[in-house]
Amino acid sequence: MLLAASGIALAYTPTEIAAESKKANDFFEKCWDETLSHYSVDESYYGIKAHYDQLKDLSDEKATDEKVWERQLADLRKTLMINIHKIDDVKDAEAYIARLRGFPKLSISCSLI
């Protein structure tokens, strides 16, 4: 952020942008697949029969044991915020900080799903 605040912008090549976009897309696809696999009924809506003979355990005990959202959120912070959120100027740096401040809300909403 110091580089952005001093007016020095980091430039990315189209190849670097494409590579980082692929990383982000792969990450979100992995999260989607992983999350969906925990909800067999939702899988059925998409025609996926991987857990066709199962129902999700919705008990309180099971819900508190699941840490998938927390791990995915930590991965999102590391993938998105370091590699994807480009900072070219002070406004971008401020947006970065605003996003960081929003993560606690995201963590709460993810845990409610």
C-alpha atoms as a PDB file:
ATOM      1  CA  MET A   1       0.000   0.000   0.000  1.00  0.00           C
ATOM      2  CA  LEU A   2       2.895   2.352   0.534  1.00  0.00           C
ATOM      3  CA  LEU A   3       3.730   2.153  -3.149  1.00  0.00           C
ATOM      4  CA  ALA A   4       0.173   3.070  -4.076  1.00  0.00           C
ATOM      5  CA  ALA A   5       0.069   5.926  -1.580  1.00  0.00           C
ATOM      6  CA  SER A   6       3.282   7.347  -2.983  1.00  0.00           C
ATOM      7  CA  GLY A   7       1.782   7.383  -6.477  1.00  0.00           C
ATOM      8  CA  ILE A   8       3.673   4.385  -7.878  1.00  0.00           C
ATOM      9  CA  ALA A   9       1.250   2.034  -9.585  1.00  0.00           C
ATOM     10  CA  LEU A  10       1.934  -1.627 -10.087  1.00  0.00           C
ATOM     11  CA  ALA A  11       1.259  -2.678 -13.671  1.00  0.00           C
ATOM     12  CA  TYR A  12       0.082  -6.142 -14.594  1.00  0.00           C
ATOM     13  CA  THR A  13       0.415  -7.763 -17.990  1.00  0.00           C
ATOM     14  CA  PRO A  14      -2.616  -9.385 -19.665  1.00  0.00           C
ATOM     15  CA  THR A  15      -0.973 -12.770 -19.035  1.00  0.00           C
ATOM     16  CA  GLU A  16      -0.617 -12.047 -15.308  1.00  0.00           C
ATOM     17  CA  ILE A  17      -4.208 -10.819 -15.132  1.00  0.00           C
ATOM     18  CA  ALA A  18      -5.451 -13.957 -16.895  1.00  0.00           C
ATOM     19  CA  ALA A  19      -3.415 -16.172 -14.551  1.00  0.00           C
ATOM     20  CA  GLU A  20      -4.776 -14.429 -11.453  1.00  0.00           C
ATOM     21  CA  SER A  21      -8.328 -14.558 -12.841  1.00  0.00           C
ATOM     22  CA  LYS A  22      -7.928 -18.297 -13.393  1.00  0.00           C
ATOM     23  CA  LYS A  23      -6.725 -18.703  -9.801  1.00  0.00           C
ATOM     24  CA  ALA A  24      -9.777 -16.818  -8.535  1.00  0.00           C
ATOM     25  CA  ASN A  25     -12.170 -18.789 -10.744  1.00  0.00           C
ATOM     26  CA  ASP A  26     -10.589 -22.086  -9.661  1.00  0.00           C
ATOM     27  CA  PHE A  27     -10.875 -21.016  -6.019  1.00  0.00           C
ATOM     28  CA  PHE A  28     -14.570 -20.122  -6.313  1.00  0.00           C
ATOM     29  CA  GLU A  29     -15.326 -23.322  -8.215  1.00  0.00           C
ATOM     30  CA  LYS A  30     -13.579 -25.362  -5.506  1.00  0.00           C
ATOM     31  CA  CYS A  31     -15.569 -23.539  -2.796  1.00  0.00           C
ATOM     32  CA  TRP A  32     -18.802 -24.103  -4.710  1.00  0.00           C
ATOM     33  CA  ASP A  33     -18.151 -27.818  -5.173  1.00  0.00           C
ATOM     34  CA  GLU A  34     -17.031 -28.265  -1.590  1.00  0.00           C
ATOM     35  CA  THR A  35     -19.975 -26.376  -0.130  1.00  0.00           C
ATOM     36  CA  LEU A  36     -22.522 -28.032  -2.394  1.00  0.00           C
ATOM     37  CA  SER A  37     -21.206 -31.466  -1.431  1.00  0.00           C
ATOM     38  CA  HIS A  38     -22.341 -30.764   2.142  1.00  0.00           C
ATOM     39  CA  TYR A  39     -25.941 -30.221   1.002  1.00  0.00           C
ATOM     40  CA  SER A  40     -27.183 -33.307  -0.803  1.00  0.00           C
ATOM     41  CA  VAL A  41     -30.640 -31.872  -1.467  1.00  0.00           C
ATOM     42  CA  ASP A  42     -29.101 -28.834  -3.169  1.00  0.00           C
ATOM     43  CA  GLU A  43     -26.926 -31.170  -5.237  1.00  0.00           C
ATOM     44  CA  SER A  44     -30.127 -32.822  -6.430  1.00  0.00           C
ATOM     45  CA  TYR A  45     -31.443 -29.489  -7.719  1.00  0.00           C
ATOM     46  CA  TYR A  46     -28.397 -29.334  -9.998  1.00  0.00           C
ATOM     47  CA  GLY A  47     -28.752 -32.940 -11.127  1.00  0.00           C
ATOM     48  CA  ILE A  48     -25.735 -34.070  -9.107  1.00  0.00           C
ATOM     49  CA  LYS A  49     -26.174 -37.557  -7.654  1.00  0.00           C
ATOM     50  CA  ALA A  50     -22.964 -37.805  -5.626  1.00  0.00           C
ATOM     51  CA  HIS A  51     -24.811 -37.960  -2.295  1.00  0.00           C
ATOM     52  CA  TYR A  52     -28.219 -38.969  -3.627  1.00  0.00           C
ATOM     53  CA  ASP A  53     -28.913 -41.346  -0.763  1.00  0.00           C
ATOM     54  CA  GLN A  54     -28.146 -38.825   1.991  1.00  0.00           C
ATOM     55  CA  LEU A  55     -29.703 -35.911   3.845  1.00  0.00           C
ATOM     56  CA  LYS A  56     -27.798 -33.115   5.544  1.00  0.00           C
ATOM     57  CA  ASP A  57     -27.451 -33.424   9.313  1.00  0.00           C
ATOM     58  CA  LEU A  58     -28.980 -30.124  10.454  1.00  0.00           C
ATOM     59  CA  SER A  59     -28.591 -30.735  14.169  1.00  0.00           C
ATOM     60  CA  ASP A  60     -27.018 -28.007  16.284  1.00  0.00           C
ATOM     61  CA  GLU A  61     -24.106 -30.289  17.157  1.00  0.00           C
ATOM     62  CA  LYS A  62     -23.246 -30.871  13.515  1.00  0.00           C
ATOM     63  CA  ALA A  63     -23.642 -27.204  12.593  1.00  0.00           C
ATOM     64  CA  THR A  64     -21.111 -26.077  15.175  1.00  0.00           C
ATOM     65  CA  ASP A  65     -18.602 -28.702  14.024  1.00  0.00           C
ATOM     66  CA  GLU A  66     -18.421 -27.455  10.456  1.00  0.00           C
ATOM     67  CA  LYS A  67     -15.472 -25.189   9.754  1.00  0.00           C
ATOM     68  CA  VAL A  68     -15.736 -25.151   5.964  1.00  0.00           C
ATOM     69  CA  TRP A  69     -16.911 -21.536   5.788  1.00  0.00           C
ATOM     70  CA  GLU A  70     -14.151 -20.330   8.082  1.00  0.00           C
ATOM     71  CA  ARG A  71     -11.461 -22.025   6.001  1.00  0.00           C
ATOM     72  CA  GLN A  72     -12.943 -20.767   2.751  1.00  0.00           C
ATOM     73  CA  LEU A  73     -13.109 -17.241   4.152  1.00  0.00           C
ATOM     74  CA  ALA A  74      -9.460 -17.425   5.188  1.00  0.00           C
ATOM     75  CA  ASP A  75      -8.570 -18.663   1.706  1.00  0.00           C
ATOM     76  CA  LEU A  76     -10.597 -15.845   0.163  1.00  0.00           C
ATOM     77  CA  ARG A  77      -8.702 -13.268   2.200  1.00  0.00           C
ATOM     78  CA  LYS A  78      -5.383 -14.757   1.043  1.00  0.00           C
ATOM     79  CA  THR A  79      -6.292 -15.297  -2.682  1.00  0.00           C
ATOM     80  CA  LEU A  80      -8.470 -12.295  -3.399  1.00  0.00           C
ATOM     81  CA  MET A  81      -7.057  -9.623  -1.197  1.00  0.00           C
ATOM     82  CA  ILE A  82      -3.393 -10.274  -1.900  1.00  0.00           C
ATOM     83  CA  ASN A  83      -3.435 -11.355  -5.534  1.00  0.00           C
ATOM     84  CA  ILE A  84      -6.541  -9.878  -7.110  1.00  0.00           C
ATOM     85  CA  HIS A  85      -7.292  -6.526  -5.486  1.00  0.00           C
ATOM     86  CA  LYS A  86      -4.932  -4.297  -7.423  1.00  0.00           C
ATOM     87  CA  ILE A  87      -3.923  -1.009  -5.802  1.00  0.00           C
ATOM     88  CA  ASP A  88      -3.057   1.746  -8.255  1.00  0.00           C
ATOM     89  CA  ASP A  89      -3.886   4.808  -6.198  1.00  0.00           C
ATOM     90  CA  VAL A  90      -5.117   6.057  -2.847  1.00  0.00           C
ATOM     91  CA  LYS A  91      -8.754   5.358  -3.772  1.00  0.00           C
ATOM     92  CA  ASP A  92      -7.869   1.700  -4.468  1.00  0.00           C
ATOM     93  CA  ALA A  93      -6.032   1.515  -1.134  1.00  0.00           C
ATOM     94  CA  GLU A  94      -9.085   2.904   0.652  1.00  0.00           C
ATOM     95  CA  ALA A  95     -11.287   0.342  -1.113  1.00  0.00           C
ATOM     96  CA  TYR A  96      -8.878  -2.396   0.007  1.00  0.00           C
ATOM     97  CA  ILE A  97      -9.188  -1.255   3.613  1.00  0.00           C
ATOM     98  CA  ALA A  98     -12.982  -1.074   3.298  1.00  0.00           C
ATOM     99  CA  ARG A  99     -13.049  -4.657   2.027  1.00  0.00           C
ATOM    100  CA  LEU A 100     -10.878  -5.818   4.910  1.00  0.00           C
ATOM    101  CA  ARG A 101     -13.292  -4.156   7.332  1.00  0.00           C
ATOM    102  CA  GLY A 102     -16.170  -6.022   5.653  1.00  0.00           C
ATOM    103  CA  PHE A 103     -14.746  -9.495   6.271  1.00  0.00           C
ATOM    104  CA  PRO A 104     -16.200  -9.833   9.786  1.00  0.00           C
ATOM    105  CA  LYS A 105     -19.699  -9.265   8.340  1.00  0.00           C
ATOM    106  CA  LEU A 106     -19.017 -11.804   5.596  1.00  0.00           C
ATOM    107  CA  SER A 107     -17.856 -14.298   8.192  1.00  0.00           C
ATOM    108  CA  ILE A 108     -21.088 -13.866  10.161  1.00  0.00           C
ATOM    109  CA  SER A 109     -23.341 -14.202   7.111  1.00  0.00           C
ATOM    110  CA  CYS A 110     -21.453 -17.262   5.869  1.00  0.00           C
ATOM    111  CA  SER A 111     -21.857 -18.977   9.216  1.00  0.00           C
ATOM    112  CA  LEU A 112     -25.619 -18.443   9.048  1.00  0.00           C
ATOM    113  CA  ILE A 113     -25.997 -20.221   5.709  1.00  0.00           C
END
